[in-house]
Amino acid sequence: MGDAVSHTFRQMQNGTGLFYGWFEAMHSRFDLLTVGPTENEAAALCRDIAAEIRRIENRLNRFDEASDVWQINQNTFYDKCPADPELLGIFADALRYREMTGGAFDIAIQTPEYLPGESCFAVDPACEAVVKLRPDAIFDFGGYGKGYALQQALGMLKNAGITTALVNFGNSSVCGIGCHPSGDSWQVGVENPLRRGENMTFFGLNDLCLSSSGNLPSNRGHIRSPRTGKPVTDNRIVSVAAPSALDSEVLSTALFVADAAQRQTVLRHFALARVAEMDFTTAGHTTREAV
């Protein structure tokens, strides 16, 4: 993966700068549209965001032998794996989401012979360590990493004084900051994977983040159910809109695999703006609203 960051820039009729930048990270394309800053300011900010997201990817990618998560996954000799404050916070977050989703979200789902309901890790802040409760535990942040990276990117945009922007991370995670330049919310569609160009529903994003999880024809069964330990293979997508990029990312995955009781747990514990569940086929789709 290259480190290139590309962009275009133009001024609208009122003289306001319109910046569009993009780069590759986490096996996805990251697109950033900002309204207001100068070309140099926006380009520098886009480069900084790219560097931050790639830094996070280098920490959480379990397939990268240089990553922190790969090292922890390979450690089968000691139960306590040293971790710095950021990594401890990430694992503590994962535990919190596991509890608050009734077990529907679990970063240890890839553990061999995974047992539903089993706790595979703990966090020991006093010892600055992640504690493996099973030596063969495997941790996968696929349903967390993008949301965490997007959350950091949004913080950088806010700190730079950006009040109008659209961020699209691989089409599955989108955030609208402020309003569209026309004055309305950013309108984002969820496409039917089997019928290109057909949007199953639209979300209006105004200081909201949208995440979608489910199956694509080219990537079916990549999400496992913590209830069964098996891949979920049906033609379904769950989209969650929430103020938090991390909440929307994690909870779209959790609600995709959740049973009725887990769904109620999620909806009770989190402030979500909207949840839509879509079943799709080559003939069309049906959409159900949960919030």
C-alpha atoms as a PDB file:
ATOM      1  CA  MET A   1       0.000   0.000   0.000  1.00  0.00           C
ATOM      2  CA  GLY A   2       1.410   3.361  -1.009  1.00  0.00           C
ATOM      3  CA  ASP A   3       1.556   6.440   1.158  1.00  0.00           C
ATOM      4  CA  ALA A   4       0.270   8.823  -1.512  1.00  0.00           C
ATOM      5  CA  VAL A   5      -2.376  11.420  -0.703  1.00  0.00           C
ATOM      6  CA  SER A   6      -4.161  12.964  -3.694  1.00  0.00           C
ATOM      7  CA  HIS A   7      -6.470  15.968  -3.840  1.00  0.00           C
ATOM      8  CA  THR A   8      -8.308  18.530  -5.917  1.00  0.00           C
ATOM      9  CA  PHE A   9      -9.318  22.046  -4.917  1.00  0.00           C
ATOM     10  CA  ARG A  10     -11.577  24.774  -6.246  1.00  0.00           C
ATOM     11  CA  GLN A  11     -13.363  27.850  -5.024  1.00  0.00           C
ATOM     12  CA  MET A  12     -17.129  28.113  -5.007  1.00  0.00           C
ATOM     13  CA  GLN A  13     -18.879  31.209  -6.358  1.00  0.00           C
ATOM     14  CA  ASN A  14     -18.897  32.794  -2.904  1.00  0.00           C
ATOM     15  CA  GLY A  15     -15.113  32.364  -2.668  1.00  0.00           C
ATOM     16  CA  THR A  16     -15.227  29.505  -0.153  1.00  0.00           C
ATOM     17  CA  GLY A  17     -12.636  26.788  -0.700  1.00  0.00           C
ATOM     18  CA  LEU A  18     -13.808  23.279  -1.568  1.00  0.00           C
ATOM     19  CA  PHE A  19     -11.166  20.590  -0.927  1.00  0.00           C
ATOM     20  CA  TYR A  20     -11.431  16.929  -1.895  1.00  0.00           C
ATOM     21  CA  GLY A  21      -8.664  14.553  -0.822  1.00  0.00           C
ATOM     22  CA  TRP A  22      -8.252  10.785  -0.828  1.00  0.00           C
ATOM     23  CA  PHE A  23      -5.826   8.022   0.105  1.00  0.00           C
ATOM     24  CA  GLU A  24      -5.706   4.271   0.785  1.00  0.00           C
ATOM     25  CA  ALA A  25      -5.654   2.847   4.319  1.00  0.00           C
ATOM     26  CA  MET A  26      -7.011  -0.236   6.106  1.00  0.00           C
ATOM     27  CA  HIS A  27      -7.678  -1.888   2.729  1.00  0.00           C
ATOM     28  CA  SER A  28     -10.163   0.881   1.942  1.00  0.00           C
ATOM     29  CA  ARG A  29     -10.264   4.262   0.282  1.00  0.00           C
ATOM     30  CA  PHE A  30     -10.585   7.265   2.585  1.00  0.00           C
ATOM     31  CA  ASP A  31     -12.283  10.313   1.037  1.00  0.00           C
ATOM     32  CA  LEU A  32     -12.366  13.741   2.683  1.00  0.00           C
ATOM     33  CA  LEU A  33     -14.423  16.715   1.498  1.00  0.00           C
ATOM     34  CA  THR A  34     -13.981  19.951   3.435  1.00  0.00           C
ATOM     35  CA  VAL A  35     -15.554  23.359   2.975  1.00  0.00           C
ATOM     36  CA  GLY A  36     -13.741  26.491   4.117  1.00  0.00           C
ATOM     37  CA  PRO A  37      -9.993  26.020   4.631  1.00  0.00           C
ATOM     38  CA  THR A  38      -7.357  27.014   2.099  1.00  0.00           C
ATOM     39  CA  GLU A  39      -5.868  24.410  -0.200  1.00  0.00           C
ATOM     40  CA  ASN A  40      -2.593  24.272   1.731  1.00  0.00           C
ATOM     41  CA  GLU A  41      -4.344  23.997   5.092  1.00  0.00           C
ATOM     42  CA  ALA A  42      -6.685  21.244   3.937  1.00  0.00           C
ATOM     43  CA  ALA A  43      -3.940  19.299   2.132  1.00  0.00           C
ATOM     44  CA  ALA A  44      -1.714  19.359   5.224  1.00  0.00           C
ATOM     45  CA  LEU A  45      -4.616  18.219   7.386  1.00  0.00           C
ATOM     46  CA  CYS A  46      -5.446  15.387   4.980  1.00  0.00           C
ATOM     47  CA  ARG A  47      -1.821  14.208   5.079  1.00  0.00           C
ATOM     48  CA  ASP A  48      -1.847  14.286   8.884  1.00  0.00           C
ATOM     49  CA  ILE A  49      -5.072  12.255   8.965  1.00  0.00           C
ATOM     50  CA  ALA A  50      -3.591   9.711   6.557  1.00  0.00           C
ATOM     51  CA  ALA A  51      -0.514   9.336   8.759  1.00  0.00           C
ATOM     52  CA  GLU A  52      -2.659   8.875  11.881  1.00  0.00           C
ATOM     53  CA  ILE A  53      -4.918   6.251  10.302  1.00  0.00           C
ATOM     54  CA  ARG A  54      -1.931   4.317   8.974  1.00  0.00           C
ATOM     55  CA  ARG A  55      -0.350   4.468  12.441  1.00  0.00           C
ATOM     56  CA  ILE A  56      -3.487   2.935  13.929  1.00  0.00           C
ATOM     57  CA  GLU A  57      -3.585   0.311  11.191  1.00  0.00           C
ATOM     58  CA  ASN A  58       0.013  -0.621  11.977  1.00  0.00           C
ATOM     59  CA  ARG A  59      -0.992  -1.213  15.594  1.00  0.00           C
ATOM     60  CA  LEU A  60      -4.257  -3.136  15.136  1.00  0.00           C
ATOM     61  CA  ASN A  61      -3.754  -5.215  11.966  1.00  0.00           C
ATOM     62  CA  ARG A  62      -3.590  -8.808  13.220  1.00  0.00           C
ATOM     63  CA  PHE A  63      -2.082  -9.968   9.919  1.00  0.00           C
ATOM     64  CA  ASP A  64       0.915  -7.615  10.168  1.00  0.00           C
ATOM     65  CA  GLU A  65       3.796  -9.290  12.018  1.00  0.00           C
ATOM     66  CA  ALA A  66       5.037  -5.890  13.183  1.00  0.00           C
ATOM     67  CA  SER A  67       1.728  -4.899  14.777  1.00  0.00           C
ATOM     68  CA  ASP A  68       0.961  -4.888  18.481  1.00  0.00           C
ATOM     69  CA  VAL A  69      -2.093  -7.112  18.030  1.00  0.00           C
ATOM     70  CA  TRP A  70      -0.116  -9.702  16.044  1.00  0.00           C
ATOM     71  CA  GLN A  71       2.455  -9.838  18.863  1.00  0.00           C
ATOM     72  CA  ILE A  72      -0.254 -10.319  21.491  1.00  0.00           C
ATOM     73  CA  ASN A  73      -1.968 -12.999  19.417  1.00  0.00           C
ATOM     74  CA  GLN A  74       1.310 -14.903  19.081  1.00  0.00           C
ATOM     75  CA  ASN A  75       2.096 -14.730  22.787  1.00  0.00           C
ATOM     76  CA  THR A  76       1.113 -18.149  24.134  1.00  0.00           C
ATOM     77  CA  PHE A  77       3.769 -18.387  26.857  1.00  0.00           C
ATOM     78  CA  TYR A  78       2.706 -15.572  29.201  1.00  0.00           C
ATOM     79  CA  ASP A  79      -0.799 -14.569  30.185  1.00  0.00           C
ATOM     80  CA  LYS A  80       0.110 -10.899  30.716  1.00  0.00           C
ATOM     81  CA  CYS A  81       1.049  -9.024  27.549  1.00  0.00           C
ATOM     82  CA  PRO A  82       2.576  -5.565  28.106  1.00  0.00           C
ATOM     83  CA  ALA A  83       0.592  -2.726  26.557  1.00  0.00           C
ATOM     84  CA  ASP A  84       0.864   1.064  26.504  1.00  0.00           C
ATOM     85  CA  PRO A  85      -2.021   3.346  27.578  1.00  0.00           C
ATOM     86  CA  GLU A  86      -3.532   3.621  24.085  1.00  0.00           C
ATOM     87  CA  LEU A  87      -3.618  -0.145  23.565  1.00  0.00           C
ATOM     88  CA  LEU A  88      -4.925  -0.751  27.099  1.00  0.00           C
ATOM     89  CA  GLY A  89      -7.684   1.747  26.396  1.00  0.00           C
ATOM     90  CA  ILE A  90      -8.602  -0.010  23.144  1.00  0.00           C
ATOM     91  CA  PHE A  91      -8.855  -3.428  24.817  1.00  0.00           C
ATOM     92  CA  ALA A  92     -10.818  -1.905  27.709  1.00  0.00           C
ATOM     93  CA  ASP A  93     -13.165  -0.379  25.138  1.00  0.00           C
ATOM     94  CA  ALA A  94     -13.624  -3.788  23.536  1.00  0.00           C
ATOM     95  CA  LEU A  95     -14.565  -5.262  26.912  1.00  0.00           C
ATOM     96  CA  ARG A  96     -17.052  -2.444  27.501  1.00  0.00           C
ATOM     97  CA  TYR A  97     -18.702  -3.037  24.122  1.00  0.00           C
ATOM     98  CA  ARG A  98     -18.856  -6.772  24.781  1.00  0.00           C
ATOM     99  CA  GLU A  99     -20.696  -6.163  28.040  1.00  0.00           C
ATOM    100  CA  MET A 100     -23.012  -3.468  26.699  1.00  0.00           C
ATOM    101  CA  THR A 101     -24.028  -5.552  23.677  1.00  0.00           C
ATOM    102  CA  GLY A 102     -24.778  -8.673  25.712  1.00  0.00           C
ATOM    103  CA  GLY A 103     -21.859 -10.443  24.023  1.00  0.00           C
ATOM    104  CA  ALA A 104     -22.917  -9.589  20.456  1.00  0.00           C
ATOM    105  CA  PHE A 105     -19.577  -7.835  19.893  1.00  0.00           C
ATOM    106  CA  ASP A 106     -16.433  -9.782  20.782  1.00  0.00           C
ATOM    107  CA  ILE A 107     -12.947  -9.138  19.391  1.00  0.00           C
ATOM    108  CA  ALA A 108     -12.010 -12.725  20.368  1.00  0.00           C
ATOM    109  CA  ILE A 109     -14.497 -14.334  17.952  1.00  0.00           C
ATOM    110  CA  GLN A 110     -11.617 -15.682  15.782  1.00  0.00           C
ATOM    111  CA  THR A 111     -10.226 -17.760  18.670  1.00  0.00           C
ATOM    112  CA  PRO A 112      -9.960 -21.468  17.718  1.00  0.00           C
ATOM    113  CA  GLU A 113     -12.886 -23.518  19.082  1.00  0.00           C
ATOM    114  CA  TYR A 114     -14.480 -20.309  20.334  1.00  0.00           C
ATOM    115  CA  LEU A 115     -17.027 -20.947  23.083  1.00  0.00           C
ATOM    116  CA  PRO A 116     -20.036 -18.595  23.190  1.00  0.00           C
ATOM    117  CA  GLY A 117     -20.065 -16.613  26.416  1.00  0.00           C
ATOM    118  CA  GLU A 118     -16.446 -17.391  27.243  1.00  0.00           C
ATOM    119  CA  SER A 119     -14.224 -14.501  28.368  1.00  0.00           C
ATOM    120  CA  CYS A 120     -10.903 -14.699  26.553  1.00  0.00           C
ATOM    121  CA  PHE A 121      -9.138 -11.645  27.987  1.00  0.00           C
ATOM    122  CA  ALA A 122      -9.046  -8.991  30.666  1.00  0.00           C
ATOM    123  CA  VAL A 123      -7.220  -5.705  31.170  1.00  0.00           C
ATOM    124  CA  ASP A 124      -4.863  -5.076  34.091  1.00  0.00           C
ATOM    125  CA  PRO A 125      -4.090  -1.328  34.251  1.00  0.00           C
ATOM    126  CA  ALA A 126      -1.918  -1.730  37.354  1.00  0.00           C
ATOM    127  CA  CYS A 127       0.425  -4.091  35.499  1.00  0.00           C
ATOM    128  CA  GLU A 128      -0.059  -2.240  32.188  1.00  0.00           C
ATOM    129  CA  ALA A 129      -0.999  -5.503  30.522  1.00  0.00           C
ATOM    130  CA  VAL A 130      -3.626  -7.263  28.454  1.00  0.00           C
ATOM    131  CA  VAL A 131      -4.345 -10.564  30.214  1.00  0.00           C
ATOM    132  CA  LYS A 132      -4.997 -13.561  27.965  1.00  0.00           C
ATOM    133  CA  LEU A 133      -7.385 -15.914  29.739  1.00  0.00           C
ATOM    134  CA  ARG A 134      -6.787 -18.442  26.978  1.00  0.00           C
ATOM    135  CA  PRO A 135      -3.240 -18.766  25.623  1.00  0.00           C
ATOM    136  CA  ASP A 136      -4.578 -19.394  22.102  1.00  0.00           C
ATOM    137  CA  ALA A 137      -6.916 -16.376  22.122  1.00  0.00           C
ATOM    138  CA  ILE A 138      -6.954 -14.467  18.831  1.00  0.00           C
ATOM    139  CA  PHE A 139      -8.001 -10.810  18.780  1.00  0.00           C
ATOM    140  CA  ASP A 140      -9.412  -9.217  15.643  1.00  0.00           C
ATOM    141  CA  PHE A 141     -10.278  -5.509  15.528  1.00  0.00           C
ATOM    142  CA  GLY A 142     -11.954  -5.658  12.122  1.00  0.00           C
ATOM    143  CA  GLY A 143     -15.252  -4.397  13.553  1.00  0.00           C
ATOM    144  CA  TYR A 144     -13.567  -1.731  15.661  1.00  0.00           C
ATOM    145  CA  GLY A 145     -10.459  -0.383  13.900  1.00  0.00           C
ATOM    146  CA  LYS A 146     -12.169   1.744  11.255  1.00  0.00           C
ATOM    147  CA  GLY A 147     -14.423   3.336  13.829  1.00  0.00           C
ATOM    148  CA  TYR A 148     -11.497   4.117  16.108  1.00  0.00           C
ATOM    149  CA  ALA A 149      -9.485   5.560  13.214  1.00  0.00           C
ATOM    150  CA  LEU A 150     -12.460   7.599  12.053  1.00  0.00           C
ATOM    151  CA  GLN A 151     -12.999   8.903  15.568  1.00  0.00           C
ATOM    152  CA  GLN A 152      -9.386  10.112  15.686  1.00  0.00           C
ATOM    153  CA  ALA A 153      -9.753  11.730  12.250  1.00  0.00           C
ATOM    154  CA  LEU A 154     -12.897  13.570  13.334  1.00  0.00           C
ATOM    155  CA  GLY A 155     -11.061  14.861  16.397  1.00  0.00           C
ATOM    156  CA  MET A 156      -8.316  16.229  14.152  1.00  0.00           C
ATOM    157  CA  LEU A 157     -10.880  17.947  11.906  1.00  0.00           C
ATOM    158  CA  LYS A 158     -12.568  19.499  14.939  1.00  0.00           C
ATOM    159  CA  ASN A 159      -9.246  20.693  16.369  1.00  0.00           C
ATOM    160  CA  ALA A 160      -8.468  22.301  12.994  1.00  0.00           C
ATOM    161  CA  GLY A 161     -11.714  24.261  13.163  1.00  0.00           C
ATOM    162  CA  ILE A 162     -13.480  22.368  10.362  1.00  0.00           C
ATOM    163  CA  THR A 163     -17.246  22.807  10.715  1.00  0.00           C
ATOM    164  CA  THR A 164     -18.425  21.512   7.302  1.00  0.00           C
ATOM    165  CA  ALA A 165     -17.094  18.234   5.908  1.00  0.00           C
ATOM    166  CA  LEU A 166     -17.980  14.788   4.648  1.00  0.00           C
ATOM    167  CA  VAL A 167     -15.762  11.797   5.439  1.00  0.00           C
ATOM    168  CA  ASN A 168     -16.231   8.493   3.615  1.00  0.00           C
ATOM    169  CA  PHE A 169     -14.140   5.514   4.731  1.00  0.00           C
ATOM    170  CA  GLY A 170     -14.647   2.700   2.253  1.00  0.00           C
ATOM    171  CA  ASN A 171     -18.393   3.469   1.826  1.00  0.00           C
ATOM    172  CA  SER A 172     -19.104   1.410   4.954  1.00  0.00           C
ATOM    173  CA  SER A 173     -18.280   4.231   7.389  1.00  0.00           C
ATOM    174  CA  VAL A 174     -19.387   7.793   6.596  1.00  0.00           C
ATOM    175  CA  CYS A 175     -19.544  10.931   8.742  1.00  0.00           C
ATOM    176  CA  GLY A 176     -21.245  14.229   7.984  1.00  0.00           C
ATOM    177  CA  ILE A 177     -19.931  17.253   9.859  1.00  0.00           C
ATOM    178  CA  GLY A 178     -22.299  20.207   9.919  1.00  0.00           C
ATOM    179  CA  CYS A 179     -24.607  20.712   6.949  1.00  0.00           C
ATOM    180  CA  HIS A 180     -24.208  20.258   3.204  1.00  0.00           C
ATOM    181  CA  PRO A 181     -23.197  23.573   1.558  1.00  0.00           C
ATOM    182  CA  SER A 182     -26.784  23.816   0.290  1.00  0.00           C
ATOM    183  CA  GLY A 183     -27.948  24.033   3.895  1.00  0.00           C
ATOM    184  CA  ASP A 184     -29.407  20.529   4.194  1.00  0.00           C
ATOM    185  CA  SER A 185     -27.957  17.437   5.839  1.00  0.00           C
ATOM    186  CA  TRP A 186     -25.508  15.248   3.928  1.00  0.00           C
ATOM    187  CA  GLN A 187     -27.593  12.587   2.159  1.00  0.00           C
ATOM    188  CA  VAL A 188     -25.890   9.172   2.103  1.00  0.00           C
ATOM    189  CA  GLY A 189     -27.397   6.079   0.499  1.00  0.00           C
ATOM    190  CA  VAL A 190     -26.941   2.397   1.358  1.00  0.00           C
ATOM    191  CA  GLU A 191     -26.606   0.494  -1.904  1.00  0.00           C
ATOM    192  CA  ASN A 192     -28.074  -2.932  -2.669  1.00  0.00           C
ATOM    193  CA  PRO A 193     -24.950  -5.086  -3.229  1.00  0.00           C
ATOM    194  CA  LEU A 194     -26.810  -7.165  -5.817  1.00  0.00           C
ATOM    195  CA  ARG A 195     -28.313  -4.237  -7.751  1.00  0.00           C
ATOM    196  CA  ARG A 196     -25.733  -1.543  -8.441  1.00  0.00           C
ATOM    197  CA  GLY A 197     -27.169   1.941  -8.453  1.00  0.00           C
ATOM    198  CA  GLU A 198     -30.172   0.969  -6.295  1.00  0.00           C
ATOM    199  CA  ASN A 199     -30.120   2.543  -2.841  1.00  0.00           C
ATOM    200  CA  MET A 200     -32.079   0.610  -0.246  1.00  0.00           C
ATOM    201  CA  THR A 201     -32.407   3.637   2.045  1.00  0.00           C
ATOM    202  CA  PHE A 202     -30.919   7.079   2.662  1.00  0.00           C
ATOM    203  CA  PHE A 203     -29.542   8.632   5.825  1.00  0.00           C
ATOM    204  CA  GLY A 204     -29.395  12.354   6.482  1.00  0.00           C
ATOM    205  CA  LEU A 205     -26.147  13.046   8.322  1.00  0.00           C
ATOM    206  CA  ASN A 206     -25.774  16.274  10.265  1.00  0.00           C
ATOM    207  CA  ASP A 207     -23.026  15.786  12.863  1.00  0.00           C
ATOM    208  CA  LEU A 208     -23.756  12.075  12.645  1.00  0.00           C
ATOM    209  CA  CYS A 209     -21.765   8.994  11.670  1.00  0.00           C
ATOM    210  CA  LEU A 210     -23.101   6.078   9.655  1.00  0.00           C
ATOM    211  CA  SER A 211     -21.718   2.542   9.608  1.00  0.00           C
ATOM    212  CA  SER A 212     -23.021  -0.451   7.646  1.00  0.00           C
ATOM    213  CA  SER A 213     -22.165  -4.098   8.267  1.00  0.00           C
ATOM    214  CA  GLY A 214     -23.284  -7.176   6.381  1.00  0.00           C
ATOM    215  CA  ASN A 215     -22.544  -9.423   3.464  1.00  0.00           C
ATOM    216  CA  LEU A 216     -21.343  -8.579  -0.015  1.00  0.00           C
ATOM    217  CA  PRO A 217     -21.263 -11.016  -2.945  1.00  0.00           C
ATOM    218  CA  SER A 218     -17.457 -10.905  -2.887  1.00  0.00           C
ATOM    219  CA  ASN A 219     -17.111 -11.167   0.908  1.00  0.00           C
ATOM    220  CA  ARG A 220     -19.816 -13.411   2.293  1.00  0.00           C
ATOM    221  CA  GLY A 221     -19.594 -14.854   5.785  1.00  0.00           C
ATOM    222  CA  HIS A 222     -16.747 -12.647   6.991  1.00  0.00           C
ATOM    223  CA  ILE A 223     -18.679 -11.764  10.170  1.00  0.00           C
ATOM    224  CA  ARG A 224     -19.021 -14.499  12.778  1.00  0.00           C
ATOM    225  CA  SER A 225     -21.785 -14.764  15.336  1.00  0.00           C
ATOM    226  CA  PRO A 226     -20.565 -14.893  18.965  1.00  0.00           C
ATOM    227  CA  ARG A 227     -23.725 -16.905  19.756  1.00  0.00           C
ATOM    228  CA  THR A 228     -22.738 -19.773  17.440  1.00  0.00           C
ATOM    229  CA  GLY A 229     -19.128 -19.079  16.491  1.00  0.00           C
ATOM    230  CA  LYS A 230     -20.164 -19.562  12.852  1.00  0.00           C
ATOM    231  CA  PRO A 231     -20.229 -17.127   9.906  1.00  0.00           C
ATOM    232  CA  VAL A 232     -23.461 -15.261   9.157  1.00  0.00           C
ATOM    233  CA  THR A 233     -24.170 -15.739   5.446  1.00  0.00           C
ATOM    234  CA  ASP A 234     -27.632 -14.294   4.756  1.00  0.00           C
ATOM    235  CA  ASN A 235     -28.250 -11.378   2.381  1.00  0.00           C
ATOM    236  CA  ARG A 236     -28.595  -8.652   4.970  1.00  0.00           C
ATOM    237  CA  ILE A 237     -27.063  -5.299   5.914  1.00  0.00           C
ATOM    238  CA  VAL A 238     -27.498  -3.367   9.159  1.00  0.00           C
ATOM    239  CA  SER A 239     -26.827   0.390   9.118  1.00  0.00           C
ATOM    240  CA  VAL A 240     -26.437   2.458  12.283  1.00  0.00           C
ATOM    241  CA  ALA A 241     -26.358   6.255  12.573  1.00  0.00           C
ATOM    242  CA  ALA A 242     -25.001   7.712  15.812  1.00  0.00           C
ATOM    243  CA  PRO A 243     -23.076  10.766  17.060  1.00  0.00           C
ATOM    244  CA  SER A 244     -20.046   8.550  17.752  1.00  0.00           C
ATOM    245  CA  ALA A 245     -18.052   7.055  14.863  1.00  0.00           C
ATOM    246  CA  LEU A 246     -16.865   4.239  17.111  1.00  0.00           C
ATOM    247  CA  ASP A 247     -20.342   3.418  18.402  1.00  0.00           C
ATOM    248  CA  SER A 248     -21.790   3.270  14.900  1.00  0.00           C
ATOM    249  CA  GLU A 249     -18.956   1.029  13.670  1.00  0.00           C
ATOM    250  CA  VAL A 250     -19.109  -1.446  16.547  1.00  0.00           C
ATOM    251  CA  LEU A 251     -22.885  -1.528  16.839  1.00  0.00           C
ATOM    252  CA  SER A 252     -23.556  -2.133  13.152  1.00  0.00           C
ATOM    253  CA  THR A 253     -21.548  -5.351  13.540  1.00  0.00           C
ATOM    254  CA  ALA A 254     -23.145  -6.224  16.877  1.00  0.00           C
ATOM    255  CA  LEU A 255     -26.702  -5.713  15.615  1.00  0.00           C
ATOM    256  CA  PHE A 256     -25.970  -7.709  12.467  1.00  0.00           C
ATOM    257  CA  VAL A 257     -25.327 -10.831  14.569  1.00  0.00           C
ATOM    258  CA  ALA A 258     -27.512 -10.061  17.622  1.00  0.00           C
ATOM    259  CA  ASP A 259     -30.532 -12.049  18.771  1.00  0.00           C
ATOM    260  CA  ALA A 260     -33.651 -10.297  20.076  1.00  0.00           C
ATOM    261  CA  ALA A 261     -32.395  -9.994  23.665  1.00  0.00           C
ATOM    262  CA  GLN A 262     -29.012  -8.621  22.566  1.00  0.00           C
ATOM    263  CA  ARG A 263     -30.734  -6.080  20.321  1.00  0.00           C
ATOM    264  CA  GLN A 264     -32.721  -4.775  23.263  1.00  0.00           C
ATOM    265  CA  THR A 265     -29.534  -4.565  25.339  1.00  0.00           C
ATOM    266  CA  VAL A 266     -27.837  -2.495  22.635  1.00  0.00           C
ATOM    267  CA  LEU A 267     -30.797  -0.163  22.161  1.00  0.00           C
ATOM    268  CA  ARG A 268     -31.075   0.308  25.925  1.00  0.00           C
ATOM    269  CA  HIS A 269     -27.432   1.225  26.448  1.00  0.00           C
ATOM    270  CA  PHE A 270     -26.640   3.402  23.440  1.00  0.00           C
ATOM    271  CA  ALA A 271     -28.080   6.644  22.072  1.00  0.00           C
ATOM    272  CA  LEU A 272     -28.525   5.825  18.377  1.00  0.00           C
ATOM    273  CA  ALA A 273     -30.110   8.215  15.900  1.00  0.00           C
ATOM    274  CA  ARG A 274     -31.362   5.483  13.554  1.00  0.00           C
ATOM    275  CA  VAL A 275     -30.964   1.755  12.861  1.00  0.00           C
ATOM    276  CA  ALA A 276     -32.096   0.232   9.557  1.00  0.00           C
ATOM    277  CA  GLU A 277     -31.936  -3.462   8.666  1.00  0.00           C
ATOM    278  CA  MET A 278     -32.139  -4.394   4.995  1.00  0.00           C
ATOM    279  CA  ASP A 279     -32.683  -7.786   3.378  1.00  0.00           C
ATOM    280  CA  PHE A 280     -31.706  -7.744  -0.275  1.00  0.00           C
ATOM    281  CA  THR A 281     -31.969 -10.004  -3.331  1.00  0.00           C
ATOM    282  CA  THR A 282     -31.435  -9.628  -7.055  1.00  0.00           C
ATOM    283  CA  ALA A 283     -35.141  -8.760  -7.290  1.00  0.00           C
ATOM    284  CA  GLY A 284     -35.178  -5.989  -4.703  1.00  0.00           C
ATOM    285  CA  HIS A 285     -35.053  -5.355  -0.982  1.00  0.00           C
ATOM    286  CA  THR A 286     -37.008  -4.799   2.216  1.00  0.00           C
ATOM    287  CA  THR A 287     -36.063  -2.308   4.920  1.00  0.00           C
ATOM    288  CA  ARG A 288     -37.006  -2.402   8.598  1.00  0.00           C
ATOM    289  CA  GLU A 289     -36.483   0.398  11.111  1.00  0.00           C
ATOM    290  CA  ALA A 290     -35.317  -0.390  14.642  1.00  0.00           C
ATOM    291  CA  VAL A 291     -34.859   3.188  15.897  1.00  0.00           C
END
